Amino acid sequence: MINRMSTPLDLDQIKLALSSLTHWRFEDDKLLMDIKLKNFSEALSLLVKVGIEAEKLNHHPEIYNIYNKVTLKLTTHDAGNKVTQKDIVLARAIENLVL
């Protein structure tokens, strides 16, 4: 049985998904979001919220944090490090936290 959630999306599918994800971009086979917050406490709070959402979906982002700046990268490892529907679902959940 094919796991459609882990099937890599083609560029047109990714572009379509990005049309409704205002804070994300596609680069190097990953979805990326850069966020600048007021201070480190706000950044840390966001990271905890992202971690909870990621754990619920059993799909975890690459997370980079320097003081008030957070960068999130989404790709699916079991799909050859390509973007899949799993990444789109998590991107939407994260974007809802940021808005």
PDB file of N, CA and C in Angstrom:
ATOM      1  N   MET A   1       0.843  -1.180   0.000  1.00  0.00           N
ATOM      2  CA  MET A   1       0.000   0.000   0.000  1.00  0.00           C
ATOM      3  C   MET A   1       0.895   1.253   0.000  1.00  0.00           C
ATOM      4  N   ILE A   2       0.555   2.230  -0.813  1.00  0.00           N
ATOM      5  CA  ILE A   2       1.312   3.470  -0.925  1.00  0.00           C
ATOM      6  C   ILE A   2       0.815   4.458   0.123  1.00  0.00           C
ATOM      7  N   ASN A   3       1.756   5.059   0.855  1.00  0.00           N
ATOM      8  CA  ASN A   3       1.408   6.104   1.812  1.00  0.00           C
ATOM      9  C   ASN A   3       1.423   7.439   1.079  1.00  0.00           C
ATOM     10  N   ARG A   4       0.261   7.941   0.715  1.00  0.00           N
ATOM     11  CA  ARG A   4       0.164   9.182  -0.063  1.00  0.00           C
ATOM     12  C   ARG A   4       0.729  10.385   0.694  1.00  0.00           C
ATOM     13  N   MET A   5       0.684  10.340   2.016  1.00  0.00           N
ATOM     14  CA  MET A   5       1.231  11.446   2.794  1.00  0.00           C
ATOM     15  C   MET A   5       2.747  11.540   2.622  1.00  0.00           C
ATOM     16  N   SER A   6       3.410  10.423   2.303  1.00  0.00           N
ATOM     17  CA  SER A   6       4.858  10.417   2.154  1.00  0.00           C
ATOM     18  C   SER A   6       5.314  10.420   0.696  1.00  0.00           C
ATOM     19  N   THR A   7       4.392  10.633  -0.218  1.00  0.00           N
ATOM     20  CA  THR A   7       4.735  10.720  -1.633  1.00  0.00           C
ATOM     21  C   THR A   7       5.172  12.154  -1.935  1.00  0.00           C
ATOM     22  N   PRO A   8       6.364  12.339  -2.516  1.00  0.00           N
ATOM     23  CA  PRO A   8       6.811  13.705  -2.823  1.00  0.00           C
ATOM     24  C   PRO A   8       5.828  14.432  -3.737  1.00  0.00           C
ATOM     25  N   LEU A   9       5.619  15.706  -3.439  1.00  0.00           N
ATOM     26  CA  LEU A   9       4.769  16.541  -4.280  1.00  0.00           C
ATOM     27  C   LEU A   9       5.589  17.093  -5.435  1.00  0.00           C
ATOM     28  N   ASP A  10       4.935  17.305  -6.577  1.00  0.00           N
ATOM     29  CA  ASP A  10       5.650  17.934  -7.691  1.00  0.00           C
ATOM     30  C   ASP A  10       5.613  19.451  -7.507  1.00  0.00           C
ATOM     31  N   LEU A  11       6.371  20.158  -8.312  1.00  0.00           N
ATOM     32  CA  LEU A  11       6.509  21.605  -8.154  1.00  0.00           C
ATOM     33  C   LEU A  11       5.172  22.327  -8.268  1.00  0.00           C
ATOM     34  N   ASP A  12       4.310  21.893  -9.167  1.00  0.00           N
ATOM     35  CA  ASP A  12       2.995  22.532  -9.303  1.00  0.00           C
ATOM     36  C   ASP A  12       2.154  22.348  -8.033  1.00  0.00           C
ATOM     37  N   GLN A  13       2.210  21.173  -7.442  1.00  0.00           N
ATOM     38  CA  GLN A  13       1.467  20.924  -6.204  1.00  0.00           C
ATOM     39  C   GLN A  13       2.011  21.788  -5.058  1.00  0.00           C
ATOM     40  N   ILE A  14       3.316  21.945  -5.017  1.00  0.00           N
ATOM     41  CA  ILE A  14       3.935  22.767  -3.980  1.00  0.00           C
ATOM     42  C   ILE A  14       3.545  24.234  -4.170  1.00  0.00           C
ATOM     43  N   LYS A  15       3.604  24.716  -5.415  1.00  0.00           N
ATOM     44  CA  LYS A  15       3.218  26.108  -5.697  1.00  0.00           C
ATOM     45  C   LYS A  15       1.759  26.353  -5.321  1.00  0.00           C
ATOM     46  N   LEU A  16       0.898  25.406  -5.622  1.00  0.00           N
ATOM     47  CA  LEU A  16      -0.512  25.543  -5.270  1.00  0.00           C
ATOM     48  C   LEU A  16      -0.680  25.632  -3.754  1.00  0.00           C
ATOM     49  N   ALA A  17       0.003  24.771  -3.023  1.00  0.00           N
ATOM     50  CA  ALA A  17      -0.081  24.801  -1.561  1.00  0.00           C
ATOM     51  C   ALA A  17       0.456  26.117  -1.011  1.00  0.00           C
ATOM     52  N   LEU A  18       1.544  26.606  -1.586  1.00  0.00           N
ATOM     53  CA  LEU A  18       2.149  27.856  -1.108  1.00  0.00           C
ATOM     54  C   LEU A  18       1.245  29.068  -1.363  1.00  0.00           C
ATOM     55  N   SER A  19       0.345  28.950  -2.318  1.00  0.00           N
ATOM     56  CA  SER A  19      -0.559  30.072  -2.592  1.00  0.00           C
ATOM     57  C   SER A  19      -1.479  30.364  -1.408  1.00  0.00           C
ATOM     58  N   SER A  20      -1.658  29.394  -0.526  1.00  0.00           N
ATOM     59  CA  SER A  20      -2.481  29.616   0.662  1.00  0.00           C
ATOM     60  C   SER A  20      -1.644  29.629   1.949  1.00  0.00           C
ATOM     61  N   LEU A  21      -0.327  29.559   1.807  1.00  0.00           N
ATOM     62  CA  LEU A  21       0.585  29.628   2.949  1.00  0.00           C
ATOM     63  C   LEU A  21       1.425  30.895   2.801  1.00  0.00           C
ATOM     64  N   THR A  22       0.988  31.961   3.405  1.00  0.00           N
ATOM     65  CA  THR A  22       1.585  33.268   3.137  1.00  0.00           C
ATOM     66  C   THR A  22       2.972  33.462   3.734  1.00  0.00           C
ATOM     67  N   HIS A  23       3.360  32.699   4.729  1.00  0.00           N
ATOM     68  CA  HIS A  23       4.638  32.905   5.398  1.00  0.00           C
ATOM     69  C   HIS A  23       5.724  31.919   4.968  1.00  0.00           C
ATOM     70  N   TRP A  24       5.412  31.035   4.059  1.00  0.00           N
ATOM     71  CA  TRP A  24       6.345  29.979   3.669  1.00  0.00           C
ATOM     72  C   TRP A  24       6.879  30.205   2.265  1.00  0.00           C
ATOM     73  N   ARG A  25       8.082  29.661   2.014  1.00  0.00           N
ATOM     74  CA  ARG A  25       8.661  29.658   0.671  1.00  0.00           C
ATOM     75  C   ARG A  25       9.275  28.280   0.417  1.00  0.00           C
ATOM     76  N   PHE A  26       9.496  27.978  -0.846  1.00  0.00           N
ATOM     77  CA  PHE A  26      10.105  26.706  -1.252  1.00  0.00           C
ATOM     78  C   PHE A  26      11.531  26.977  -1.697  1.00  0.00           C
ATOM     79  N   GLU A  27      12.472  26.254  -1.087  1.00  0.00           N
ATOM     80  CA  GLU A  27      13.884  26.460  -1.393  1.00  0.00           C
ATOM     81  C   GLU A  27      14.653  25.180  -1.039  1.00  0.00           C
ATOM     82  N   ASP A  28      15.504  24.734  -1.950  1.00  0.00           N
ATOM     83  CA  ASP A  28      16.339  23.545  -1.700  1.00  0.00           C
ATOM     84  C   ASP A  28      15.526  22.330  -1.255  1.00  0.00           C
ATOM     85  N   ASP A  29      14.418  22.078  -1.934  1.00  0.00           N
ATOM     86  CA  ASP A  29      13.546  20.940  -1.628  1.00  0.00           C
ATOM     87  C   ASP A  29      12.954  20.978  -0.222  1.00  0.00           C
ATOM     88  N   LYS A  30      12.794  22.189   0.326  1.00  0.00           N
ATOM     89  CA  LYS A  30      12.208  22.335   1.655  1.00  0.00           C
ATOM     90  C   LYS A  30      11.235  23.507   1.664  1.00  0.00           C
ATOM     91  N   LEU A  31      10.281  23.433   2.579  1.00  0.00           N
ATOM     92  CA  LEU A  31       9.462  24.600   2.893  1.00  0.00           C
ATOM     93  C   LEU A  31      10.170  25.330   4.016  1.00  0.00           C
ATOM     94  N   LEU A  32      10.315  26.648   3.881  1.00  0.00           N
ATOM     95  CA  LEU A  32      11.012  27.450   4.884  1.00  0.00           C
ATOM     96  C   LEU A  32      10.154  28.611   5.351  1.00  0.00           C
ATOM     97  N   MET A  33      10.282  28.918   6.629  1.00  0.00           N
ATOM     98  CA  MET A  33       9.622  30.078   7.214  1.00  0.00           C
ATOM     99  C   MET A  33      10.610  30.757   8.153  1.00  0.00           C
ATOM    100  N   ASP A  34      10.773  32.060   7.981  1.00  0.00           N
ATOM    101  CA  ASP A  34      11.595  32.873   8.876  1.00  0.00           C
ATOM    102  C   ASP A  34      10.660  33.771   9.676  1.00  0.00           C
ATOM    103  N   ILE A  35      10.861  33.799  10.977  1.00  0.00           N
ATOM    104  CA  ILE A  35       9.992  34.572  11.852  1.00  0.00           C
ATOM    105  C   ILE A  35      10.876  35.424  12.757  1.00  0.00           C
ATOM    106  N   LYS A  36      10.542  36.688  12.863  1.00  0.00           N
ATOM    107  CA  LYS A  36      11.231  37.578  13.801  1.00  0.00           C
ATOM    108  C   LYS A  36      10.230  37.980  14.865  1.00  0.00           C
ATOM    109  N   LEU A  37      10.568  37.687  16.101  1.00  0.00           N
ATOM    110  CA  LEU A  37       9.686  37.970  17.218  1.00  0.00           C
ATOM    111  C   LEU A  37      10.244  39.114  18.060  1.00  0.00           C
ATOM    112  N   LYS A  38       9.519  39.511  19.085  1.00  0.00           N
ATOM    113  CA  LYS A  38       9.906  40.658  19.903  1.00  0.00           C
ATOM    114  C   LYS A  38      11.194  40.394  20.693  1.00  0.00           C
ATOM    115  N   ASN A  39      11.311  39.170  21.234  1.00  0.00           N
ATOM    116  CA  ASN A  39      12.467  38.850  22.073  1.00  0.00           C
ATOM    117  C   ASN A  39      12.639  37.330  22.153  1.00  0.00           C
ATOM    118  N   PHE A  40      13.640  36.900  22.901  1.00  0.00           N
ATOM    119  CA  PHE A  40      13.915  35.478  23.026  1.00  0.00           C
ATOM    120  C   PHE A  40      12.770  34.722  23.686  1.00  0.00           C
ATOM    121  N   SER A  41      12.136  35.325  24.675  1.00  0.00           N
ATOM    122  CA  SER A  41      11.023  34.653  25.361  1.00  0.00           C
ATOM    123  C   SER A  41       9.892  34.318  24.396  1.00  0.00           C
ATOM    124  N   GLU A  42       9.568  35.257  23.509  1.00  0.00           N
ATOM    125  CA  GLU A  42       8.514  34.997  22.514  1.00  0.00           C
ATOM    126  C   GLU A  42       8.954  33.913  21.534  1.00  0.00           C
ATOM    127  N   ALA A  43      10.220  33.940  21.150  1.00  0.00           N
ATOM    128  CA  ALA A  43      10.732  32.912  20.237  1.00  0.00           C
ATOM    129  C   ALA A  43      10.653  31.535  20.902  1.00  0.00           C
ATOM    130  N   LEU A  44      11.064  31.454  22.139  1.00  0.00           N
ATOM    131  CA  LEU A  44      11.025  30.183  22.859  1.00  0.00           C
ATOM    132  C   LEU A  44       9.590  29.683  23.021  1.00  0.00           C
ATOM    133  N   SER A  45       8.680  30.600  23.305  1.00  0.00           N
ATOM    134  CA  SER A  45       7.271  30.237  23.427  1.00  0.00           C
ATOM    135  C   SER A  45       6.746  29.651  22.110  1.00  0.00           C
ATOM    136  N   LEU A  46       7.100  30.290  21.005  1.00  0.00           N
ATOM    137  CA  LEU A  46       6.682  29.775  19.705  1.00  0.00           C
ATOM    138  C   LEU A  46       7.262  28.384  19.459  1.00  0.00           C
ATOM    139  N   LEU A  47       8.515  28.188  19.802  1.00  0.00           N
ATOM    140  CA  LEU A  47       9.146  26.883  19.589  1.00  0.00           C
ATOM    141  C   LEU A  47       8.437  25.781  20.363  1.00  0.00           C
ATOM    142  N   VAL A  48       8.006  26.078  21.570  1.00  0.00           N
ATOM    143  CA  VAL A  48       7.267  25.091  22.355  1.00  0.00           C
ATOM    144  C   VAL A  48       5.941  24.755  21.661  1.00  0.00           C
ATOM    145  N   LYS A  49       5.242  25.782  21.193  1.00  0.00           N
ATOM    146  CA  LYS A  49       3.963  25.559  20.499  1.00  0.00           C
ATOM    147  C   LYS A  49       4.165  24.757  19.219  1.00  0.00           C
ATOM    148  N   VAL A  50       5.215  25.086  18.463  1.00  0.00           N
ATOM    149  CA  VAL A  50       5.518  24.331  17.238  1.00  0.00           C
ATOM    150  C   VAL A  50       5.829  22.879  17.590  1.00  0.00           C
ATOM    151  N   GLY A  51       6.585  22.680  18.648  1.00  0.00           N
ATOM    152  CA  GLY A  51       6.917  21.321  19.076  1.00  0.00           C
ATOM    153  C   GLY A  51       5.691  20.496  19.419  1.00  0.00           C
ATOM    154  N   ILE A  52       4.722  21.112  20.071  1.00  0.00           N
ATOM    155  CA  ILE A  52       3.487  20.411  20.430  1.00  0.00           C
ATOM    156  C   ILE A  52       2.718  20.020  19.171  1.00  0.00           C
ATOM    157  N   GLU A  53       2.588  20.951  18.224  1.00  0.00           N
ATOM    158  CA  GLU A  53       1.890  20.643  16.966  1.00  0.00           C
ATOM    159  C   GLU A  53       2.618  19.539  16.191  1.00  0.00           C
ATOM    160  N   ALA A  54       3.933  19.650  16.133  1.00  0.00           N
ATOM    161  CA  ALA A  54       4.722  18.646  15.412  1.00  0.00           C
ATOM    162  C   ALA A  54       4.542  17.260  16.029  1.00  0.00           C
ATOM    163  N   GLU A  55       4.540  17.210  17.337  1.00  0.00           N
ATOM    164  CA  GLU A  55       4.384  15.927  18.019  1.00  0.00           C
ATOM    165  C   GLU A  55       3.001  15.330  17.754  1.00  0.00           C
ATOM    166  N   LYS A  56       1.970  16.184  17.747  1.00  0.00           N
ATOM    167  CA  LYS A  56       0.617  15.704  17.440  1.00  0.00           C
ATOM    168  C   LYS A  56       0.561  15.053  16.064  1.00  0.00           C
ATOM    169  N   LEU A  57       1.296  15.642  15.104  1.00  0.00           N
ATOM    170  CA  LEU A  57       1.278  15.148  13.723  1.00  0.00           C
ATOM    171  C   LEU A  57       2.370  14.113  13.460  1.00  0.00           C
ATOM    172  N   ASN A  58       3.204  13.855  14.466  1.00  0.00           N
ATOM    173  CA  ASN A  58       4.332  12.938  14.326  1.00  0.00           C
ATOM    174  C   ASN A  58       5.177  13.298  13.100  1.00  0.00           C
ATOM    175  N   HIS A  59       5.435  14.580  12.952  1.00  0.00           N
ATOM    176  CA  HIS A  59       6.232  15.086  11.828  1.00  0.00           C
ATOM    177  C   HIS A  59       6.968  16.325  12.333  1.00  0.00           C
ATOM    178  N   HIS A  60       8.277  16.289  12.309  1.00  0.00           N
ATOM    179  CA  HIS A  60       9.059  17.274  13.043  1.00  0.00           C
ATOM    180  C   HIS A  60       9.916  18.141  12.132  1.00  0.00           C
ATOM    181  N   PRO A  61       9.900  19.459  12.351  1.00  0.00           N
ATOM    182  CA  PRO A  61      10.670  20.385  11.519  1.00  0.00           C
ATOM    183  C   PRO A  61      12.127  20.483  11.964  1.00  0.00           C
ATOM    184  N   GLU A  62      12.940  21.006  11.069  1.00  0.00           N
ATOM    185  CA  GLU A  62      14.267  21.475  11.468  1.00  0.00           C
ATOM    186  C   GLU A  62      14.025  22.857  12.057  1.00  0.00           C
ATOM    187  N   ILE A  63      14.589  23.118  13.226  1.00  0.00           N
ATOM    188  CA  ILE A  63      14.356  24.370  13.930  1.00  0.00           C
ATOM    189  C   ILE A  63      15.686  25.051  14.211  1.00  0.00           C
ATOM    190  N   TYR A  64      15.750  26.324  13.862  1.00  0.00           N
ATOM    191  CA  TYR A  64      16.931  27.143  14.124  1.00  0.00           C
ATOM    192  C   TYR A  64      16.475  28.399  14.860  1.00  0.00           C
ATOM    193  N   ASN A  65      17.169  28.719  15.946  1.00  0.00           N
ATOM    194  CA  ASN A  65      16.791  29.881  16.747  1.00  0.00           C
ATOM    195  C   ASN A  65      18.034  30.650  17.164  1.00  0.00           C
ATOM    196  N   ILE A  66      18.016  31.945  16.893  1.00  0.00           N
ATOM    197  CA  ILE A  66      19.024  32.868  17.401  1.00  0.00           C
ATOM    198  C   ILE A  66      18.266  34.060  17.973  1.00  0.00           C
ATOM    199  N   TYR A  67      18.344  34.209  19.272  1.00  0.00           N
ATOM    200  CA  TYR A  67      17.666  35.245  20.038  1.00  0.00           C
ATOM    201  C   TYR A  67      16.185  35.339  19.658  1.00  0.00           C
ATOM    202  N   ASN A  68      15.796  36.340  18.856  1.00  0.00           N
ATOM    203  CA  ASN A  68      14.379  36.529  18.533  1.00  0.00           C
ATOM    204  C   ASN A  68      14.035  36.044  17.124  1.00  0.00           C
ATOM    205  N   LYS A  69      14.946  35.364  16.484  1.00  0.00           N
ATOM    206  CA  LYS A  69      14.726  34.889  15.115  1.00  0.00           C
ATOM    207  C   LYS A  69      14.607  33.370  15.100  1.00  0.00           C
ATOM    208  N   VAL A  70      13.581  32.909  14.409  1.00  0.00           N
ATOM    209  CA  VAL A  70      13.323  31.472  14.279  1.00  0.00           C
ATOM    210  C   VAL A  70      13.210  31.145  12.794  1.00  0.00           C
ATOM    211  N   THR A  71      13.889  30.101  12.385  1.00  0.00           N
ATOM    212  CA  THR A  71      13.737  29.571  11.029  1.00  0.00           C
ATOM    213  C   THR A  71      13.273  28.137  11.153  1.00  0.00           C
ATOM    214  N   LEU A  72      12.229  27.810  10.405  1.00  0.00           N
ATOM    215  CA  LEU A  72      11.684  26.457  10.373  1.00  0.00           C
ATOM    216  C   LEU A  72      11.830  25.907   8.967  1.00  0.00           C
ATOM    217  N   LYS A  73      12.243  24.646   8.877  1.00  0.00           N
ATOM    218  CA  LYS A  73      12.387  23.979   7.589  1.00  0.00           C
ATOM    219  C   LYS A  73      11.636  22.663   7.651  1.00  0.00           C
ATOM    220  N   LEU A  74      10.838  22.430   6.613  1.00  0.00           N
ATOM    221  CA  LEU A  74      10.028  21.209   6.551  1.00  0.00           C
ATOM    222  C   LEU A  74      10.398  20.386   5.327  1.00  0.00           C
ATOM    223  N   THR A  75      10.632  19.119   5.551  1.00  0.00           N
ATOM    224  CA  THR A  75      10.856  18.144   4.501  1.00  0.00           C
ATOM    225  C   THR A  75      10.530  16.776   5.096  1.00  0.00           C
ATOM    226  N   THR A  76      10.262  15.812   4.259  1.00  0.00           N
ATOM    227  CA  THR A  76       9.905  14.481   4.749  1.00  0.00           C
ATOM    228  C   THR A  76      11.058  13.525   4.480  1.00  0.00           C
ATOM    229  N   HIS A  77      11.668  13.062   5.552  1.00  0.00           N
ATOM    230  CA  HIS A  77      12.858  12.222   5.425  1.00  0.00           C
ATOM    231  C   HIS A  77      12.570  10.891   4.733  1.00  0.00           C
ATOM    232  N   ASP A  78      11.431  10.274   5.049  1.00  0.00           N
ATOM    233  CA  ASP A  78      11.143   8.966   4.441  1.00  0.00           C
ATOM    234  C   ASP A  78      10.627   9.077   3.008  1.00  0.00           C
ATOM    235  N   ALA A  79      10.649  10.301   2.457  1.00  0.00           N
ATOM    236  CA  ALA A  79      10.306  10.518   1.041  1.00  0.00           C
ATOM    237  C   ALA A  79      11.522  11.093   0.312  1.00  0.00           C
ATOM    238  N   GLY A  80      12.700  10.764   0.806  1.00  0.00           N
ATOM    239  CA  GLY A  80      13.913  11.225   0.148  1.00  0.00           C
ATOM    240  C   GLY A  80      14.201  12.695   0.391  1.00  0.00           C
ATOM    241  N   ASN A  81      13.758  13.210   1.554  1.00  0.00           N
ATOM    242  CA  ASN A  81      13.954  14.631   1.895  1.00  0.00           C
ATOM    243  C   ASN A  81      13.317  15.558   0.872  1.00  0.00           C
ATOM    244  N   LYS A  82      12.117  15.211   0.472  1.00  0.00           N
ATOM    245  CA  LYS A  82      11.312  16.023  -0.443  1.00  0.00           C
ATOM    246  C   LYS A  82      10.082  16.523   0.318  1.00  0.00           C
ATOM    247  N   VAL A  83       9.402  17.493  -0.247  1.00  0.00           N
ATOM    248  CA  VAL A  83       8.178  18.022   0.351  1.00  0.00           C
ATOM    249  C   VAL A  83       7.015  17.083   0.023  1.00  0.00           C
ATOM    250  N   THR A  84       6.262  16.750   1.060  1.00  0.00           N
ATOM    251  CA  THR A  84       5.082  15.896   0.914  1.00  0.00           C
ATOM    252  C   THR A  84       3.872  16.587   1.549  1.00  0.00           C
ATOM    253  N   GLN A  85       2.759  15.917   1.491  1.00  0.00           N
ATOM    254  CA  GLN A  85       1.544  16.450   2.112  1.00  0.00           C
ATOM    255  C   GLN A  85       1.734  16.613   3.618  1.00  0.00           C
ATOM    256  N   LYS A  86       2.562  15.773   4.233  1.00  0.00           N
ATOM    257  CA  LYS A  86       2.848  15.915   5.669  1.00  0.00           C
ATOM    258  C   LYS A  86       3.399  17.316   5.969  1.00  0.00           C
ATOM    259  N   ASP A  87       4.278  17.787   5.102  1.00  0.00           N
ATOM    260  CA  ASP A  87       4.885  19.109   5.295  1.00  0.00           C
ATOM    261  C   ASP A  87       3.856  20.219   5.143  1.00  0.00           C
ATOM    262  N   ILE A  88       2.959  20.059   4.192  1.00  0.00           N
ATOM    263  CA  ILE A  88       1.917  21.064   3.972  1.00  0.00           C
ATOM    264  C   ILE A  88       1.002  21.138   5.195  1.00  0.00           C
ATOM    265  N   VAL A  89       0.622  19.999   5.722  1.00  0.00           N
ATOM    266  CA  VAL A  89      -0.258  19.957   6.900  1.00  0.00           C
ATOM    267  C   VAL A  89       0.424  20.630   8.088  1.00  0.00           C
ATOM    268  N   LEU A  90       1.698  20.311   8.325  1.00  0.00           N
ATOM    269  CA  LEU A  90       2.410  20.926   9.437  1.00  0.00           C
ATOM    270  C   LEU A  90       2.628  22.423   9.200  1.00  0.00           C
ATOM    271  N   ALA A  91       2.915  22.810   7.972  1.00  0.00           N
ATOM    272  CA  ALA A  91       3.093  24.234   7.655  1.00  0.00           C
ATOM    273  C   ALA A  91       1.830  25.019   7.978  1.00  0.00           C
ATOM    274  N   ARG A  92       0.669  24.462   7.643  1.00  0.00           N
ATOM    275  CA  ARG A  92      -0.603  25.141   7.947  1.00  0.00           C
ATOM    276  C   ARG A  92      -0.808  25.266   9.456  1.00  0.00           C
ATOM    277  N   ALA A  93      -0.501  24.205  10.163  1.00  0.00           N
ATOM    278  CA  ALA A  93      -0.663  24.235  11.624  1.00  0.00           C
ATOM    279  C   ALA A  93       0.270  25.281  12.253  1.00  0.00           C
ATOM    280  N   ILE A  94       1.504  25.345  11.770  1.00  0.00           N
ATOM    281  CA  ILE A  94       2.457  26.326  12.283  1.00  0.00           C
ATOM    282  C   ILE A  94       2.021  27.732  11.917  1.00  0.00           C
ATOM    283  N   GLU A  95       1.578  27.923  10.701  1.00  0.00           N
ATOM    284  CA  GLU A  95       1.144  29.261  10.286  1.00  0.00           C
ATOM    285  C   GLU A  95      -0.013  29.750  11.149  1.00  0.00           C
ATOM    286  N   ASN A  96      -0.892  28.859  11.534  1.00  0.00           N
ATOM    287  CA  ASN A  96      -2.001  29.241  12.425  1.00  0.00           C
ATOM    288  C   ASN A  96      -1.496  29.716  13.784  1.00  0.00           C
ATOM    289  N   LEU A  97      -0.356  29.207  14.218  1.00  0.00           N
ATOM    290  CA  LEU A  97       0.227  29.651  15.483  1.00  0.00           C
ATOM    291  C   LEU A  97       0.821  31.050  15.366  1.00  0.00           C
ATOM    292  N   VAL A  98       1.327  31.364  14.193  1.00  0.00           N
ATOM    293  CA  VAL A  98       2.022  32.627  13.967  1.00  0.00           C
ATOM    294  C   VAL A  98       1.056  33.772  13.707  1.00  0.00           C
ATOM    295  N   LEU A  99      -0.065  33.482  13.047  1.00  0.00           N
ATOM    296  CA  LEU A  99      -1.024  34.542  12.671  1.00  0.00           C
ATOM    297  C   LEU A  99      -1.768  35.095  13.860  1.00  0.00           C
TER     298      LEU A  99
END
